[in-house]
Amino acid sequence: MMKNNIMALVLVISSFAAFGNNTTMVVSSEPTKLLEGTGNALFQYKIRDFMALTGTAFFGTKWPTIYLAEYAGAIAGGAYNSSLLMGGAGIGTRFFLNSQSLSDGFFAEPRLILSIHSYNLKTGSTSVIDSNRITLLPQVLVGYSWFWDNGFFLSTHLETGYGYHIKNSITVDSALESRLADKSMLRNMLWADKGAWQFDYGYSLSLGYAFN
């Protein structure tokens, strides 16, 4: 009797197991970014059992970044309000380390993202930082994905890259610039770093739907 119950439990769990090789396409989004104010989408399309082409796009703002920048501005000396608008798109190739295509398992993905950021920091009605960037960012992602028979998809990954600012137009109020001269971390928080290169890292949690 106990053995039969265990087998029944295994069968129930298996009914929610991975899609396997029949899955050909996945559409997903990152809920954490949606909560931050950034609309985003990720598309995967299987081209081989061991790889899929990916495309991603995003547009919006980022409330935590805005609040952090205003806090950084206060540290630098002053009371500020700020705005941030950003958008971009990227392409990549996802390699499945278990060679089982769009199914449960680890993956690695090189990705190239082109993004645009426009940031403005004001004190009262006076603009003290006006930053406009166009960045080309090569990334490497490593993560794990889960697929269920009902179509539900869940994925998480770590990412790192080193971006090049094709355009990095920054205007900083002279008084604030002098206060930030020896504060590189604050300059980065305030989008006031005039360097051409930027190290990038992060993590992601994606939810979506898989299609056969």
N, C-alpha and C. Protein backbone atom coordinates (compact mmCIF):
# COMPACT_ATOMS: atom_id res chain seq x y z
N MET A 1 0.83 -1.21 0.00
CA MET A 1 0.00 0.00 0.00
C MET A 1 0.87 1.26 0.00
N MET A 2 1.86 1.28 0.90
CA MET A 2 2.76 2.43 0.97
C MET A 2 3.49 2.62 -0.36
N LYS A 3 3.92 1.50 -0.95
CA LYS A 3 4.63 1.58 -2.22
C LYS A 3 3.75 2.18 -3.30
N ASN A 4 2.46 1.78 -3.32
CA ASN A 4 1.53 2.32 -4.32
C ASN A 4 1.32 3.81 -4.13
N ASN A 5 1.25 4.25 -2.85
CA ASN A 5 1.07 5.68 -2.58
C ASN A 5 2.27 6.49 -3.04
N ILE A 6 3.47 5.93 -2.82
CA ILE A 6 4.68 6.62 -3.26
C ILE A 6 4.71 6.73 -4.78
N MET A 7 4.32 5.66 -5.46
CA MET A 7 4.31 5.69 -6.92
C MET A 7 3.29 6.71 -7.43
N ALA A 8 2.14 6.79 -6.76
CA ALA A 8 1.12 7.75 -7.17
C ALA A 8 1.63 9.17 -6.99
N LEU A 9 2.34 9.43 -5.88
CA LEU A 9 2.90 10.75 -5.64
C LEU A 9 3.93 11.11 -6.71
N VAL A 10 4.76 10.15 -7.09
CA VAL A 10 5.76 10.38 -8.13
C VAL A 10 5.10 10.72 -9.45
N LEU A 11 4.00 10.03 -9.78
CA LEU A 11 3.29 10.30 -11.03
C LEU A 11 2.66 11.69 -11.03
N VAL A 12 2.13 12.12 -9.87
CA VAL A 12 1.54 13.46 -9.78
C VAL A 12 2.60 14.52 -9.98
N ILE A 13 3.75 14.34 -9.31
CA ILE A 13 4.84 15.30 -9.47
C ILE A 13 5.35 15.31 -10.90
N SER A 14 5.43 14.14 -11.51
CA SER A 14 5.93 14.05 -12.88
C SER A 14 5.02 14.76 -13.86
N SER A 15 3.72 14.84 -13.52
CA SER A 15 2.78 15.51 -14.43
C SER A 15 3.06 16.99 -14.55
N PHE A 16 3.85 17.54 -13.60
CA PHE A 16 4.25 18.95 -13.66
C PHE A 16 5.71 19.09 -14.03
N ALA A 17 6.27 18.09 -14.61
CA ALA A 17 7.71 18.11 -14.92
C ALA A 17 7.98 18.86 -16.20
N ALA A 18 9.22 18.76 -16.67
CA ALA A 18 9.69 19.58 -17.79
C ALA A 18 9.01 19.25 -19.10
N PHE A 19 8.99 20.25 -20.00
CA PHE A 19 8.44 20.09 -21.33
C PHE A 19 9.22 19.10 -22.18
N GLY A 20 10.55 19.19 -22.10
CA GLY A 20 11.37 18.37 -22.97
C GLY A 20 11.60 19.04 -24.31
N ASN A 21 11.99 18.24 -25.30
CA ASN A 21 12.44 18.78 -26.58
C ASN A 21 11.32 19.32 -27.46
N ASN A 22 10.04 19.15 -27.06
CA ASN A 22 8.94 19.62 -27.90
C ASN A 22 8.77 21.14 -27.84
N THR A 23 9.27 21.76 -26.80
CA THR A 23 9.14 23.21 -26.68
C THR A 23 10.03 23.92 -27.68
N THR A 24 9.46 24.87 -28.41
CA THR A 24 10.23 25.57 -29.44
C THR A 24 10.37 27.07 -29.17
N MET A 25 9.52 27.64 -28.30
CA MET A 25 9.54 29.09 -28.12
C MET A 25 9.13 29.45 -26.69
N VAL A 26 9.75 30.50 -26.15
CA VAL A 26 9.41 30.98 -24.82
C VAL A 26 9.30 32.51 -24.86
N VAL A 27 8.27 33.04 -24.23
CA VAL A 27 8.11 34.48 -24.04
C VAL A 27 8.02 34.73 -22.55
N SER A 28 8.85 35.64 -22.03
CA SER A 28 8.88 35.86 -20.58
C SER A 28 9.17 37.32 -20.26
N SER A 29 9.07 37.65 -18.97
CA SER A 29 9.32 38.99 -18.49
C SER A 29 9.91 38.91 -17.09
N GLU A 30 10.60 39.98 -16.67
CA GLU A 30 11.20 40.03 -15.35
C GLU A 30 10.31 40.86 -14.42
N PRO A 31 9.60 40.21 -13.47
CA PRO A 31 8.65 40.94 -12.62
C PRO A 31 9.32 41.99 -11.73
N THR A 32 10.56 41.75 -11.31
CA THR A 32 11.24 42.74 -10.46
C THR A 32 11.45 44.05 -11.22
N LYS A 33 11.78 43.96 -12.50
CA LYS A 33 11.96 45.17 -13.31
C LYS A 33 10.63 45.88 -13.55
N LEU A 34 9.54 45.10 -13.69
CA LEU A 34 8.23 45.70 -13.85
C LEU A 34 7.86 46.51 -12.61
N LEU A 35 8.18 45.97 -11.43
CA LEU A 35 7.91 46.69 -10.18
C LEU A 35 8.74 47.97 -10.08
N GLU A 36 9.92 47.96 -10.68
CA GLU A 36 10.79 49.14 -10.65
C GLU A 36 10.37 50.19 -11.66
N GLY A 37 9.45 49.84 -12.57
CA GLY A 37 8.98 50.80 -13.56
C GLY A 37 9.50 50.57 -14.96
N THR A 38 10.12 49.41 -15.21
CA THR A 38 10.68 49.11 -16.53
C THR A 38 9.92 47.97 -17.19
N GLY A 39 9.21 48.28 -18.28
CA GLY A 39 8.59 47.23 -19.07
C GLY A 39 9.65 46.45 -19.82
N ASN A 40 9.53 45.13 -19.86
CA ASN A 40 10.57 44.32 -20.49
C ASN A 40 10.00 43.01 -21.00
N ALA A 41 10.68 42.44 -21.98
CA ALA A 41 10.26 41.15 -22.54
C ALA A 41 11.48 40.41 -23.06
N LEU A 42 11.44 39.08 -22.94
CA LEU A 42 12.49 38.21 -23.47
C LEU A 42 11.85 37.14 -24.33
N PHE A 43 12.43 36.94 -25.51
CA PHE A 43 11.94 35.95 -26.47
C PHE A 43 13.04 34.92 -26.73
N GLN A 44 12.70 33.63 -26.65
CA GLN A 44 13.64 32.56 -26.99
C GLN A 44 13.03 31.70 -28.10
N TYR A 45 13.86 31.33 -29.07
CA TYR A 45 13.40 30.45 -30.14
C TYR A 45 14.45 29.38 -30.41
N LYS A 46 14.05 28.12 -30.28
CA LYS A 46 14.97 27.00 -30.44
C LYS A 46 15.39 26.85 -31.90
N ILE A 47 16.69 26.77 -32.15
CA ILE A 47 17.18 26.51 -33.50
C ILE A 47 17.94 25.18 -33.58
N ARG A 48 18.41 24.68 -32.45
CA ARG A 48 19.05 23.37 -32.33
C ARG A 48 18.67 22.78 -30.98
N ASP A 49 18.90 21.48 -30.81
CA ASP A 49 18.59 20.86 -29.53
C ASP A 49 19.40 21.46 -28.40
N PHE A 50 20.54 22.06 -28.71
CA PHE A 50 21.41 22.57 -27.66
C PHE A 50 21.47 24.10 -27.62
N MET A 51 20.68 24.79 -28.46
CA MET A 51 20.76 26.25 -28.45
C MET A 51 19.45 26.90 -28.89
N ALA A 52 19.30 28.17 -28.49
CA ALA A 52 18.17 28.98 -28.91
C ALA A 52 18.65 30.41 -29.13
N LEU A 53 18.02 31.09 -30.09
CA LEU A 53 18.26 32.51 -30.27
C LEU A 53 17.40 33.28 -29.28
N THR A 54 17.92 34.37 -28.73
CA THR A 54 17.16 35.17 -27.78
C THR A 54 17.12 36.63 -28.24
N GLY A 55 16.05 37.28 -27.89
CA GLY A 55 15.91 38.70 -28.12
C GLY A 55 15.27 39.34 -26.90
N THR A 56 15.73 40.50 -26.51
CA THR A 56 15.19 41.17 -25.34
C THR A 56 14.99 42.65 -25.63
N ALA A 57 14.04 43.25 -24.96
CA ALA A 57 13.78 44.68 -25.10
C ALA A 57 13.26 45.22 -23.78
N PHE A 58 13.56 46.50 -23.49
CA PHE A 58 13.08 47.12 -22.26
C PHE A 58 12.89 48.62 -22.49
N PHE A 59 11.99 49.20 -21.69
CA PHE A 59 11.74 50.64 -21.78
C PHE A 59 11.05 51.09 -20.50
N GLY A 60 11.45 52.27 -20.00
CA GLY A 60 10.79 52.80 -18.82
C GLY A 60 11.74 53.59 -17.95
N THR A 61 11.56 53.46 -16.64
CA THR A 61 12.40 54.14 -15.68
C THR A 61 12.85 53.12 -14.64
N LYS A 62 13.42 53.59 -13.54
CA LYS A 62 13.88 52.70 -12.49
C LYS A 62 13.82 53.45 -11.17
N TRP A 63 12.71 53.28 -10.45
CA TRP A 63 12.48 54.06 -9.23
C TRP A 63 13.59 53.89 -8.19
N PRO A 64 14.08 52.68 -7.91
CA PRO A 64 15.16 52.56 -6.91
C PRO A 64 16.40 53.37 -7.29
N THR A 65 16.73 53.38 -8.59
CA THR A 65 17.89 54.16 -9.04
C THR A 65 17.67 55.65 -8.82
N ILE A 66 16.46 56.12 -9.10
CA ILE A 66 16.15 57.54 -8.91
C ILE A 66 16.29 57.94 -7.44
N TYR A 67 15.70 57.13 -6.55
CA TYR A 67 15.78 57.45 -5.13
C TYR A 67 17.21 57.38 -4.62
N LEU A 68 17.97 56.38 -5.11
CA LEU A 68 19.36 56.25 -4.70
C LEU A 68 20.17 57.44 -5.18
N ALA A 69 19.91 57.89 -6.40
CA ALA A 69 20.63 59.05 -6.94
C ALA A 69 20.32 60.30 -6.15
N GLU A 70 19.06 60.49 -5.77
CA GLU A 70 18.70 61.65 -4.97
C GLU A 70 19.36 61.60 -3.59
N TYR A 71 19.47 60.38 -3.04
CA TYR A 71 20.15 60.22 -1.76
C TYR A 71 21.64 60.53 -1.91
N ALA A 72 22.22 60.06 -3.02
CA ALA A 72 23.63 60.34 -3.29
C ALA A 72 23.86 61.84 -3.45
N GLY A 73 22.91 62.50 -4.10
CA GLY A 73 23.02 63.95 -4.25
C GLY A 73 22.98 64.66 -2.92
N ALA A 74 22.14 64.15 -2.01
CA ALA A 74 22.07 64.73 -0.67
C ALA A 74 23.39 64.55 0.07
N ILE A 75 24.03 63.37 -0.12
CA ILE A 75 25.33 63.13 0.49
C ILE A 75 26.36 64.12 -0.06
N ALA A 76 26.27 64.38 -1.36
CA ALA A 76 27.20 65.31 -1.99
C ALA A 76 26.96 66.75 -1.53
N GLY A 77 25.78 66.98 -0.96
CA GLY A 77 25.48 68.32 -0.44
C GLY A 77 24.38 68.99 -1.22
N GLY A 78 23.15 68.91 -0.74
CA GLY A 78 22.05 69.56 -1.44
C GLY A 78 20.78 68.72 -1.42
N ALA A 79 19.66 69.33 -1.76
CA ALA A 79 18.38 68.64 -1.87
C ALA A 79 17.99 68.60 -3.34
N TYR A 80 17.73 67.41 -3.86
CA TYR A 80 17.55 67.25 -5.30
C TYR A 80 16.32 66.41 -5.63
N ASN A 81 15.87 66.53 -6.86
CA ASN A 81 14.91 65.61 -7.44
C ASN A 81 15.44 65.21 -8.81
N SER A 82 15.07 64.02 -9.28
CA SER A 82 15.69 63.51 -10.50
C SER A 82 14.69 62.76 -11.35
N SER A 83 15.08 62.53 -12.60
CA SER A 83 14.27 61.75 -13.53
C SER A 83 15.19 60.87 -14.37
N LEU A 84 14.69 59.70 -14.73
CA LEU A 84 15.46 58.76 -15.52
C LEU A 84 14.54 58.09 -16.54
N LEU A 85 14.96 58.09 -17.79
CA LEU A 85 14.23 57.40 -18.85
C LEU A 85 15.24 56.54 -19.60
N MET A 86 14.89 55.27 -19.81
CA MET A 86 15.85 54.38 -20.48
C MET A 86 15.12 53.37 -21.35
N GLY A 87 15.85 52.84 -22.31
CA GLY A 87 15.30 51.83 -23.18
C GLY A 87 16.43 51.12 -23.92
N GLY A 88 16.12 49.99 -24.51
CA GLY A 88 17.16 49.27 -25.24
C GLY A 88 16.66 47.93 -25.74
N ALA A 89 17.54 47.25 -26.46
CA ALA A 89 17.23 45.93 -27.01
C ALA A 89 18.52 45.14 -27.13
N GLY A 90 18.38 43.82 -27.15
CA GLY A 90 19.57 42.98 -27.26
C GLY A 90 19.28 41.66 -27.94
N ILE A 91 20.33 41.01 -28.39
CA ILE A 91 20.23 39.69 -29.01
C ILE A 91 21.28 38.78 -28.38
N GLY A 92 21.01 37.49 -28.38
CA GLY A 92 21.95 36.55 -27.80
C GLY A 92 21.74 35.14 -28.33
N THR A 93 22.61 34.25 -27.91
CA THR A 93 22.50 32.83 -28.23
C THR A 93 22.61 32.05 -26.93
N ARG A 94 21.55 31.33 -26.59
CA ARG A 94 21.52 30.57 -25.33
C ARG A 94 21.91 29.12 -25.59
N PHE A 95 22.95 28.68 -24.88
CA PHE A 95 23.44 27.30 -25.00
C PHE A 95 22.99 26.50 -23.78
N PHE A 96 22.34 25.36 -24.02
CA PHE A 96 21.83 24.52 -22.95
C PHE A 96 22.88 23.49 -22.57
N LEU A 97 23.34 23.57 -21.34
CA LEU A 97 24.47 22.74 -20.92
C LEU A 97 24.11 21.28 -20.77
N ASN A 98 22.79 20.98 -20.68
CA ASN A 98 22.38 19.58 -20.63
C ASN A 98 22.06 19.01 -22.01
N SER A 99 22.23 19.86 -23.06
CA SER A 99 22.00 19.47 -24.47
C SER A 99 20.59 18.95 -24.70
N GLN A 100 19.63 19.44 -23.91
CA GLN A 100 18.26 18.96 -24.04
C GLN A 100 17.30 20.08 -24.47
N SER A 101 17.84 21.08 -25.11
CA SER A 101 17.03 22.16 -25.66
C SER A 101 16.26 22.89 -24.56
N LEU A 102 15.03 23.32 -24.86
CA LEU A 102 14.24 24.11 -23.92
C LEU A 102 13.60 23.18 -22.89
N SER A 103 14.40 22.78 -21.91
CA SER A 103 13.94 21.92 -20.83
C SER A 103 14.70 22.29 -19.57
N ASP A 104 14.32 21.70 -18.45
CA ASP A 104 14.99 22.01 -17.19
C ASP A 104 16.49 21.84 -17.32
N GLY A 105 17.25 22.80 -16.81
CA GLY A 105 18.69 22.66 -16.83
C GLY A 105 19.43 23.98 -16.84
N PHE A 106 20.75 23.88 -16.75
CA PHE A 106 21.61 25.05 -16.76
C PHE A 106 21.82 25.56 -18.19
N PHE A 107 22.11 26.86 -18.31
CA PHE A 107 22.39 27.45 -19.60
C PHE A 107 23.47 28.52 -19.45
N ALA A 108 24.12 28.82 -20.56
CA ALA A 108 25.06 29.93 -20.66
C ALA A 108 24.71 30.71 -21.92
N GLU A 109 24.82 32.04 -21.84
CA GLU A 109 24.40 32.86 -22.99
C GLU A 109 25.27 34.09 -23.15
N PRO A 110 25.93 34.25 -24.28
CA PRO A 110 26.52 35.54 -24.63
C PRO A 110 25.43 36.43 -25.21
N ARG A 111 25.41 37.70 -24.80
CA ARG A 111 24.35 38.61 -25.25
C ARG A 111 24.95 39.99 -25.52
N LEU A 112 24.40 40.69 -26.48
CA LEU A 112 24.84 42.04 -26.81
C LEU A 112 23.65 42.98 -26.71
N ILE A 113 23.77 44.02 -25.88
CA ILE A 113 22.67 44.96 -25.63
C ILE A 113 23.07 46.37 -26.03
N LEU A 114 22.18 47.04 -26.72
CA LEU A 114 22.33 48.46 -27.04
C LEU A 114 21.27 49.21 -26.24
N SER A 115 21.72 50.16 -25.39
CA SER A 115 20.77 50.86 -24.52
C SER A 115 20.97 52.37 -24.58
N ILE A 116 19.90 53.07 -24.24
CA ILE A 116 19.90 54.53 -24.18
C ILE A 116 19.39 54.95 -22.80
N HIS A 117 20.11 55.85 -22.13
CA HIS A 117 19.72 56.36 -20.82
C HIS A 117 19.74 57.88 -20.84
N SER A 118 18.71 58.48 -20.29
CA SER A 118 18.66 59.93 -20.14
C SER A 118 18.33 60.25 -18.68
N TYR A 119 19.28 60.92 -18.01
CA TYR A 119 19.12 61.20 -16.57
C TYR A 119 19.29 62.69 -16.31
N ASN A 120 18.43 63.22 -15.43
CA ASN A 120 18.52 64.63 -15.07
C ASN A 120 18.35 64.80 -13.57
N LEU A 121 19.23 65.58 -12.96
CA LEU A 121 19.18 65.87 -11.53
C LEU A 121 19.02 67.37 -11.35
N LYS A 122 18.02 67.77 -10.56
CA LYS A 122 17.73 69.19 -10.36
C LYS A 122 17.70 69.54 -8.89
N THR A 123 18.03 70.76 -8.60
CA THR A 123 17.78 71.35 -7.29
C THR A 123 16.85 72.53 -7.52
N GLY A 124 15.61 72.39 -7.05
CA GLY A 124 14.58 73.36 -7.42
C GLY A 124 14.28 73.24 -8.90
N SER A 125 14.41 74.34 -9.63
CA SER A 125 14.20 74.31 -11.08
C SER A 125 15.51 74.35 -11.85
N THR A 126 16.63 74.28 -11.14
CA THR A 126 17.95 74.36 -11.77
C THR A 126 18.53 72.97 -12.01
N SER A 127 18.88 72.68 -13.25
CA SER A 127 19.49 71.40 -13.58
C SER A 127 20.97 71.42 -13.21
N VAL A 128 21.39 70.43 -12.42
CA VAL A 128 22.80 70.36 -12.01
C VAL A 128 23.52 69.18 -12.67
N ILE A 129 22.80 68.18 -13.11
CA ILE A 129 23.38 67.08 -13.89
C ILE A 129 22.43 66.74 -15.03
N ASP A 130 22.96 66.72 -16.22
CA ASP A 130 22.21 66.31 -17.40
C ASP A 130 23.06 65.27 -18.12
N SER A 131 22.63 64.00 -18.07
CA SER A 131 23.43 62.89 -18.59
C SER A 131 22.66 62.13 -19.66
N ASN A 132 23.28 61.96 -20.83
CA ASN A 132 22.67 61.20 -21.93
C ASN A 132 23.69 60.21 -22.45
N ARG A 133 23.31 58.92 -22.41
CA ARG A 133 24.24 57.87 -22.79
C ARG A 133 23.64 56.91 -23.81
N ILE A 134 24.49 56.46 -24.71
CA ILE A 134 24.18 55.33 -25.58
C ILE A 134 25.29 54.31 -25.34
N THR A 135 24.91 53.12 -24.90
CA THR A 135 25.90 52.14 -24.45
C THR A 135 25.76 50.82 -25.19
N LEU A 136 26.89 50.27 -25.60
CA LEU A 136 26.95 48.94 -26.19
C LEU A 136 27.53 48.01 -25.14
N LEU A 137 26.74 47.02 -24.72
CA LEU A 137 27.12 46.18 -23.59
C LEU A 137 27.16 44.70 -23.95
N PRO A 138 28.34 44.10 -24.13
CA PRO A 138 28.45 42.64 -24.26
C PRO A 138 28.31 42.01 -22.86
N GLN A 139 27.51 40.97 -22.77
CA GLN A 139 27.26 40.30 -21.50
C GLN A 139 27.47 38.80 -21.60
N VAL A 140 27.70 38.18 -20.45
CA VAL A 140 27.67 36.73 -20.32
C VAL A 140 26.68 36.38 -19.21
N LEU A 141 25.73 35.50 -19.50
CA LEU A 141 24.73 35.07 -18.54
C LEU A 141 24.92 33.60 -18.22
N VAL A 142 24.75 33.23 -16.97
CA VAL A 142 24.77 31.83 -16.54
C VAL A 142 23.59 31.62 -15.61
N GLY A 143 22.75 30.61 -15.90
CA GLY A 143 21.57 30.42 -15.06
C GLY A 143 20.94 29.06 -15.20
N TYR A 144 19.71 28.97 -14.70
CA TYR A 144 18.96 27.71 -14.70
C TYR A 144 17.51 28.00 -15.03
N SER A 145 16.89 27.11 -15.82
CA SER A 145 15.49 27.27 -16.23
C SER A 145 14.67 26.05 -15.86
N TRP A 146 13.38 26.32 -15.56
CA TRP A 146 12.42 25.26 -15.28
C TRP A 146 11.24 25.40 -16.24
N PHE A 147 10.74 24.25 -16.74
CA PHE A 147 9.58 24.22 -17.63
C PHE A 147 8.54 23.25 -17.05
N TRP A 148 7.25 23.66 -17.10
CA TRP A 148 6.18 22.80 -16.65
C TRP A 148 5.26 22.44 -17.82
N ASP A 149 4.55 21.31 -17.69
CA ASP A 149 3.67 20.85 -18.76
C ASP A 149 2.53 21.82 -19.05
N ASN A 150 2.15 22.62 -18.05
CA ASN A 150 1.06 23.58 -18.28
C ASN A 150 1.53 24.85 -18.99
N GLY A 151 2.83 24.90 -19.35
CA GLY A 151 3.36 26.04 -20.09
C GLY A 151 4.12 27.04 -19.23
N PHE A 152 4.00 26.93 -17.91
CA PHE A 152 4.67 27.88 -17.03
C PHE A 152 6.19 27.75 -17.15
N PHE A 153 6.86 28.90 -17.17
CA PHE A 153 8.32 28.94 -17.33
C PHE A 153 8.92 29.82 -16.24
N LEU A 154 10.01 29.35 -15.64
CA LEU A 154 10.72 30.11 -14.62
C LEU A 154 12.21 30.00 -14.88
N SER A 155 12.90 31.13 -14.79
CA SER A 155 14.34 31.12 -15.04
C SER A 155 15.02 32.15 -14.15
N THR A 156 16.23 31.83 -13.73
CA THR A 156 17.03 32.78 -12.97
C THR A 156 18.47 32.72 -13.46
N HIS A 157 19.15 33.85 -13.44
CA HIS A 157 20.54 33.85 -13.91
C HIS A 157 21.34 35.00 -13.29
N LEU A 158 22.64 34.85 -13.34
CA LEU A 158 23.58 35.92 -13.01
C LEU A 158 24.15 36.45 -14.32
N GLU A 159 24.50 37.74 -14.36
CA GLU A 159 25.02 38.34 -15.58
C GLU A 159 26.15 39.30 -15.27
N THR A 160 27.08 39.39 -16.19
CA THR A 160 28.17 40.35 -16.05
C THR A 160 28.61 40.80 -17.44
N GLY A 161 29.17 42.00 -17.50
CA GLY A 161 29.62 42.53 -18.79
C GLY A 161 30.42 43.80 -18.59
N TYR A 162 30.96 44.28 -19.70
CA TYR A 162 31.76 45.51 -19.68
C TYR A 162 31.31 46.37 -20.84
N GLY A 163 30.60 47.45 -20.53
CA GLY A 163 29.98 48.26 -21.56
C GLY A 163 30.83 49.42 -22.04
N TYR A 164 30.64 49.77 -23.31
CA TYR A 164 31.31 50.93 -23.90
C TYR A 164 30.28 51.99 -24.23
N HIS A 165 30.48 53.22 -23.76
CA HIS A 165 29.56 54.32 -24.02
C HIS A 165 29.87 54.91 -25.40
N ILE A 166 29.05 54.58 -26.38
CA ILE A 166 29.19 55.16 -27.71
C ILE A 166 29.00 56.67 -27.63
N LYS A 167 28.05 57.07 -26.79
CA LYS A 167 27.83 58.49 -26.50
C LYS A 167 27.76 58.63 -24.98
N ASN A 168 28.47 59.62 -24.44
CA ASN A 168 28.42 59.87 -23.00
C ASN A 168 28.46 61.37 -22.77
N SER A 169 27.33 62.01 -23.05
CA SER A 169 27.23 63.46 -22.96
C SER A 169 26.76 63.85 -21.55
N ILE A 170 27.64 64.47 -20.78
CA ILE A 170 27.33 64.79 -19.39
C ILE A 170 27.65 66.26 -19.11
N THR A 171 26.66 66.97 -18.54
CA THR A 171 26.86 68.34 -18.09
C THR A 171 26.62 68.37 -16.59
N VAL A 172 27.62 68.83 -15.84
CA VAL A 172 27.53 68.86 -14.38
C VAL A 172 27.80 70.27 -13.89
N ASP A 173 26.95 70.74 -12.98
CA ASP A 173 27.17 72.04 -12.35
C ASP A 173 28.55 72.10 -11.72
N SER A 174 29.28 73.20 -11.92
CA SER A 174 30.67 73.28 -11.50
C SER A 174 30.84 73.10 -9.99
N ALA A 175 29.92 73.65 -9.19
CA ALA A 175 30.02 73.51 -7.74
C ALA A 175 29.84 72.05 -7.32
N LEU A 176 28.85 71.37 -7.92
CA LEU A 176 28.64 69.96 -7.60
C LEU A 176 29.79 69.11 -8.11
N GLU A 177 30.30 69.44 -9.29
CA GLU A 177 31.41 68.67 -9.86
C GLU A 177 32.64 68.71 -8.95
N SER A 178 32.91 69.85 -8.35
CA SER A 178 34.06 69.96 -7.45
C SER A 178 33.85 69.13 -6.19
N ARG A 179 32.59 69.03 -5.71
CA ARG A 179 32.32 68.22 -4.53
C ARG A 179 32.41 66.73 -4.84
N LEU A 180 32.22 66.38 -6.12
CA LEU A 180 32.28 64.96 -6.52
C LEU A 180 33.65 64.54 -7.02
N ALA A 181 34.60 65.45 -7.03
CA ALA A 181 35.90 65.20 -7.65
C ALA A 181 36.58 63.94 -7.11
N ASP A 182 36.52 63.71 -5.81
CA ASP A 182 37.19 62.56 -5.22
C ASP A 182 36.20 61.50 -4.73
N LYS A 183 34.99 61.51 -5.30
CA LYS A 183 33.94 60.58 -4.87
C LYS A 183 33.44 59.80 -6.08
N SER A 184 34.23 58.83 -6.53
CA SER A 184 33.90 58.09 -7.75
C SER A 184 32.61 57.29 -7.61
N MET A 185 32.34 56.73 -6.43
CA MET A 185 31.11 55.96 -6.25
C MET A 185 29.88 56.86 -6.39
N LEU A 186 29.93 58.05 -5.82
CA LEU A 186 28.82 58.98 -5.95
C LEU A 186 28.65 59.44 -7.39
N ARG A 187 29.75 59.64 -8.10
CA ARG A 187 29.65 60.03 -9.52
C ARG A 187 28.91 58.95 -10.31
N ASN A 188 29.22 57.68 -10.03
CA ASN A 188 28.53 56.60 -10.73
C ASN A 188 27.04 56.59 -10.39
N MET A 189 26.70 56.77 -9.11
CA MET A 189 25.30 56.79 -8.69
C MET A 189 24.53 57.92 -9.35
N LEU A 190 25.22 59.02 -9.60
CA LEU A 190 24.58 60.20 -10.17
C LEU A 190 24.73 60.29 -11.69
N TRP A 191 25.17 59.22 -12.31
CA TRP A 191 25.34 59.19 -13.77
C TRP A 191 26.24 60.33 -14.25
N ALA A 192 27.25 60.66 -13.43
CA ALA A 192 28.12 61.79 -13.75
C ALA A 192 29.54 61.35 -14.07
N ASP A 193 29.77 60.06 -14.25
CA ASP A 193 31.09 59.55 -14.59
C ASP A 193 31.31 59.72 -16.10
N LYS A 194 32.34 60.46 -16.47
CA LYS A 194 32.58 60.78 -17.88
C LYS A 194 33.46 59.76 -18.59
N GLY A 195 33.77 58.65 -17.92
CA GLY A 195 34.58 57.61 -18.55
C GLY A 195 33.85 56.93 -19.69
N ALA A 196 34.61 56.25 -20.57
CA ALA A 196 34.03 55.60 -21.75
C ALA A 196 33.58 54.17 -21.47
N TRP A 197 34.08 53.56 -20.39
CA TRP A 197 33.80 52.16 -20.10
C TRP A 197 33.10 52.02 -18.76
N GLN A 198 32.28 50.98 -18.63
CA GLN A 198 31.57 50.76 -17.37
C GLN A 198 31.37 49.26 -17.13
N PHE A 199 31.80 48.79 -15.97
CA PHE A 199 31.58 47.40 -15.57
C PHE A 199 30.13 47.23 -15.13
N ASP A 200 29.50 46.13 -15.54
CA ASP A 200 28.10 45.90 -15.24
C ASP A 200 27.91 44.47 -14.72
N TYR A 201 27.03 44.32 -13.74
CA TYR A 201 26.71 42.99 -13.23
C TYR A 201 25.30 43.02 -12.65
N GLY A 202 24.71 41.84 -12.46
CA GLY A 202 23.37 41.79 -11.90
C GLY A 202 22.83 40.38 -11.88
N TYR A 203 21.54 40.29 -11.59
CA TYR A 203 20.85 39.00 -11.55
C TYR A 203 19.46 39.20 -12.14
N SER A 204 18.78 38.10 -12.44
CA SER A 204 17.47 38.20 -13.05
C SER A 204 16.60 37.01 -12.64
N LEU A 205 15.31 37.28 -12.51
CA LEU A 205 14.31 36.23 -12.31
C LEU A 205 13.22 36.47 -13.34
N SER A 206 13.00 35.49 -14.23
CA SER A 206 12.04 35.64 -15.32
C SER A 206 10.89 34.66 -15.18
N LEU A 207 9.68 35.14 -15.47
CA LEU A 207 8.50 34.30 -15.51
C LEU A 207 7.88 34.43 -16.89
N GLY A 208 7.36 33.31 -17.41
CA GLY A 208 6.79 33.39 -18.75
C GLY A 208 6.03 32.15 -19.14
N TYR A 209 5.86 32.00 -20.46
CA TYR A 209 5.10 30.88 -21.01
C TYR A 209 5.87 30.26 -22.16
N ALA A 210 5.85 28.94 -22.21
CA ALA A 210 6.55 28.19 -23.26
C ALA A 210 5.53 27.59 -24.23
N PHE A 211 5.88 27.60 -25.52
CA PHE A 211 5.00 27.11 -26.56
C PHE A 211 5.65 25.92 -27.27
N ASN A 212 4.80 24.97 -27.67
CA ASN A 212 5.30 23.82 -28.45
C ASN A 212 5.29 24.14 -29.93
